[in-house]
Amino acid sequence: MTTAKSFGNLIDGEWVPSKSGRTFADHSPSDTRQIVASFPDSGPEDIAASVEAAERAFRSWRLVPAPKRGEIVFRMGEILARRKEELARAMAQEMGKPLREARGDVQEGIDVCFHIGGEGRRLHGFTTPSELPDKTCFTTRQPVKSRQSGRYIAAPGLTHHQSALVQCSVFSGDFSLEACVGIV
């Protein structure tokens, strides 16, 4: 039997333990004697540190041109595609869902990354007449801050509209983030 992997919180590009130092074990729903992995028992201080790190990262991320942001999201999709079977098996083990369904979930993430990656090149806005003489009104798209949570990485906001603070599902989400670390 292999030893269960231990994860940390991904904050400021580093895997760190919770501020409390406490952890919890995640058990497989199909065999509750099996520990899938251990995770930090995070609290408000960890969330605050994560939010602060996301806000700092946003300052430079928003200055990256949208086509480059799209390339980064597309590469994330490529990494997920290369590791699809590994990620699907990890999800099935951690969630107790059928492997076929887990593969579909990973494919959905891949598809979203590829689609949104292409959006980085679809730069458009609107130009409209102004009620003032010699003036033109136009819009541009820029990322804006947003706090999001859920089990999916918020790729749509990464190219044009927002930065994202993502809280992933226990094992599969951390594992997926681990798979994508270092793609920038």
Protein backbone atom coordinates (compact mmCIF):
# COMPACT_ATOMS: atom_id res chain seq x y z
CA MET A 1 0.00 0.00 0.00
CA THR A 2 1.31 3.44 -0.90
CA THR A 3 1.43 6.37 1.49
CA ALA A 4 -1.21 9.02 0.89
CA LYS A 5 0.13 12.24 -0.59
CA SER A 6 0.01 15.43 1.49
CA PHE A 7 -1.01 18.70 -0.10
CA GLY A 8 -0.72 22.31 0.97
CA ASN A 9 -2.45 25.52 0.01
CA LEU A 10 -1.18 27.08 -3.21
CA ILE A 11 -0.55 30.69 -2.16
CA ASP A 12 1.77 33.08 -3.98
CA GLY A 13 2.96 30.23 -6.20
CA GLU A 14 4.09 28.14 -3.21
CA TRP A 15 2.57 25.06 -1.58
CA VAL A 16 2.25 26.01 2.10
CA PRO A 17 0.64 24.41 5.16
CA SER A 18 -2.33 26.03 6.86
CA LYS A 19 -1.54 28.77 9.36
CA SER A 20 -2.88 26.50 12.12
CA GLY A 21 -0.67 23.60 11.03
CA ARG A 22 -3.69 21.28 11.24
CA THR A 23 -4.55 18.83 8.46
CA PHE A 24 -7.38 16.44 7.68
CA ALA A 25 -7.46 13.12 5.85
CA ASP A 26 -9.68 12.67 2.81
CA HIS A 27 -11.12 9.15 2.63
CA SER A 28 -12.24 7.38 -0.52
CA PRO A 29 -16.06 7.14 -0.57
CA SER A 30 -15.80 3.68 -2.11
CA ASP A 31 -13.52 2.39 0.69
CA THR A 32 -13.54 4.66 3.72
CA ARG A 33 -10.51 2.82 5.17
CA GLN A 34 -8.44 4.20 2.29
CA ILE A 35 -6.95 7.67 2.80
CA VAL A 36 -6.67 9.36 -0.59
CA ALA A 37 -4.58 12.31 0.63
CA SER A 38 -4.20 14.76 3.49
CA PHE A 39 -4.95 18.45 3.20
CA PRO A 40 -4.48 21.60 5.25
CA ASP A 41 -7.37 22.40 7.58
CA SER A 42 -7.49 25.99 6.38
CA GLY A 43 -9.20 28.84 8.16
CA PRO A 44 -9.87 32.56 7.74
CA GLU A 45 -6.16 33.50 7.94
CA ASP A 46 -5.37 31.15 5.04
CA ILE A 47 -8.23 32.58 2.99
CA ALA A 48 -7.04 36.14 3.71
CA ALA A 49 -3.49 35.22 2.63
CA SER A 50 -4.85 33.67 -0.56
CA VAL A 51 -6.98 36.72 -1.37
CA GLU A 52 -4.04 39.06 -0.75
CA ALA A 53 -1.82 36.95 -3.02
CA ALA A 54 -4.48 36.94 -5.75
CA GLU A 55 -4.82 40.72 -5.52
CA ARG A 56 -1.03 41.15 -5.80
CA ALA A 57 -0.91 38.78 -8.79
CA PHE A 58 -3.75 40.64 -10.47
CA ARG A 59 -1.69 43.83 -10.64
CA SER A 60 0.81 42.25 -13.04
CA TRP A 61 -1.55 39.72 -14.70
CA ARG A 62 -3.86 42.49 -15.95
CA LEU A 63 -0.90 44.09 -17.75
CA VAL A 64 -0.17 40.93 -19.74
CA PRO A 65 -1.68 41.32 -23.23
CA ALA A 66 -4.86 39.28 -23.77
CA PRO A 67 -3.30 37.10 -26.53
CA LYS A 68 -0.51 36.06 -24.13
CA ARG A 69 -3.02 35.36 -21.35
CA GLY A 70 -4.93 33.22 -23.86
CA GLU A 71 -1.76 31.28 -24.70
CA ILE A 72 -1.22 30.56 -21.00
CA VAL A 73 -4.78 29.28 -20.58
CA PHE A 74 -4.38 27.19 -23.76
CA ARG A 75 -1.17 25.64 -22.36
CA MET A 76 -3.08 24.80 -19.20
CA GLY A 77 -5.52 22.88 -21.43
CA GLU A 78 -2.61 21.06 -23.06
CA ILE A 79 -1.25 20.03 -19.67
CA LEU A 80 -4.68 18.78 -18.60
CA ALA A 81 -5.01 16.86 -21.90
CA ARG A 82 -1.63 15.16 -21.39
CA ARG A 83 -2.61 14.18 -17.85
CA LYS A 84 -6.27 13.42 -18.55
CA GLU A 85 -6.22 9.77 -17.50
CA GLU A 86 -4.18 10.44 -14.37
CA LEU A 87 -6.48 13.28 -13.33
CA ALA A 88 -9.63 11.28 -14.10
CA ARG A 89 -8.42 8.37 -11.97
CA ALA A 90 -7.59 10.71 -9.10
CA MET A 91 -11.05 12.31 -9.33
CA ALA A 92 -12.79 8.93 -9.46
CA GLN A 93 -10.88 7.73 -6.41
CA GLU A 94 -11.44 10.90 -4.39
CA MET A 95 -15.09 11.44 -5.34
CA GLY A 96 -16.24 7.86 -5.75
CA LYS A 97 -17.63 8.63 -9.20
CA PRO A 98 -17.40 6.29 -12.21
CA LEU A 99 -14.14 6.65 -14.14
CA ARG A 100 -16.03 7.35 -17.37
CA GLU A 101 -17.79 10.32 -15.73
CA ALA A 102 -14.50 11.62 -14.29
CA ARG A 103 -12.93 11.46 -17.75
CA GLY A 104 -15.84 13.56 -19.03
CA ASP A 105 -15.28 16.13 -16.28
CA VAL A 106 -11.60 16.44 -17.13
CA GLN A 107 -12.45 16.73 -20.84
CA GLU A 108 -14.87 19.54 -20.04
CA GLY A 109 -12.03 21.42 -18.32
CA ILE A 110 -9.77 20.81 -21.32
CA ASP A 111 -12.44 22.06 -23.72
CA VAL A 112 -13.03 25.21 -21.65
CA CYS A 113 -9.29 25.97 -21.56
CA PHE A 114 -8.95 25.53 -25.34
CA HIS A 115 -12.02 27.64 -26.04
CA ILE A 116 -11.07 30.44 -23.65
CA GLY A 117 -7.45 30.29 -24.80
CA GLY A 118 -8.71 31.26 -28.26
CA GLU A 119 -10.70 34.14 -26.81
CA GLY A 120 -7.43 35.88 -26.01
CA ARG A 121 -7.11 36.59 -29.75
CA ARG A 122 -10.71 37.70 -30.17
CA LEU A 123 -10.14 41.28 -29.15
CA HIS A 124 -13.19 43.40 -29.72
CA GLY A 125 -15.17 46.20 -28.24
CA PHE A 126 -17.80 48.63 -29.41
CA THR A 127 -17.48 52.07 -30.97
CA THR A 128 -20.56 54.26 -30.87
CA PRO A 129 -21.38 57.85 -31.77
CA SER A 130 -21.28 60.33 -28.93
CA GLU A 131 -23.87 62.97 -28.13
CA LEU A 132 -20.95 65.42 -27.91
CA PRO A 133 -19.41 66.85 -31.06
CA ASP A 134 -15.94 65.60 -32.04
CA LYS A 135 -16.05 62.79 -29.47
CA THR A 136 -16.06 59.04 -29.97
CA CYS A 137 -17.25 56.49 -27.43
CA PHE A 138 -15.64 53.08 -27.30
CA THR A 139 -15.24 50.12 -25.00
CA THR A 140 -12.30 47.88 -24.32
CA ARG A 141 -12.12 44.62 -22.44
CA GLN A 142 -9.75 44.30 -19.51
CA PRO A 143 -9.57 41.80 -16.68
CA VAL A 144 -11.33 42.93 -13.51
CA LYS A 145 -11.02 41.56 -10.00
CA SER A 146 -13.48 38.89 -8.98
CA ARG A 147 -13.55 36.39 -6.15
CA GLN A 148 -14.86 33.04 -7.27
CA SER A 149 -15.07 29.64 -5.72
CA GLY A 150 -16.15 26.29 -6.97
CA ARG A 151 -14.55 23.15 -8.16
CA TYR A 152 -13.63 24.38 -11.63
CA ILE A 153 -10.77 26.66 -12.51
CA ALA A 154 -12.33 29.93 -13.68
CA ALA A 155 -10.60 30.03 -17.08
CA PRO A 156 -13.14 32.32 -18.81
CA GLY A 157 -12.15 35.25 -16.65
CA LEU A 158 -8.45 34.82 -17.18
CA THR A 159 -8.19 36.37 -20.64
CA HIS A 160 -10.44 39.44 -20.73
CA HIS A 161 -12.65 40.01 -17.76
CA GLN A 162 -11.33 39.00 -14.35
CA SER A 163 -8.73 37.38 -12.20
CA ALA A 164 -9.91 34.45 -10.15
CA LEU A 165 -9.43 33.13 -6.66
CA VAL A 166 -10.31 29.48 -6.99
CA GLN A 167 -11.21 27.03 -4.25
CA CYS A 168 -11.03 23.60 -5.86
CA SER A 169 -12.47 20.30 -4.78
CA VAL A 170 -10.38 18.56 -2.21
CA PHE A 171 -8.12 16.16 -4.12
CA SER A 172 -8.89 16.57 -7.79
CA GLY A 173 -8.73 20.36 -7.68
CA ASP A 174 -5.45 20.58 -5.82
CA PHE A 175 -4.09 17.86 -8.06
CA SER A 176 -5.21 19.76 -11.15
CA LEU A 177 -3.60 22.94 -9.87
CA GLU A 178 -0.45 21.01 -9.09
CA ALA A 179 -0.47 19.77 -12.69
CA CYS A 180 -0.56 23.35 -13.97
CA VAL A 181 1.93 25.02 -11.65
CA GLY A 182 4.75 26.68 -13.55
CA ILE A 183 2.93 27.18 -16.85
CA VAL A 184 3.36 30.97 -16.83
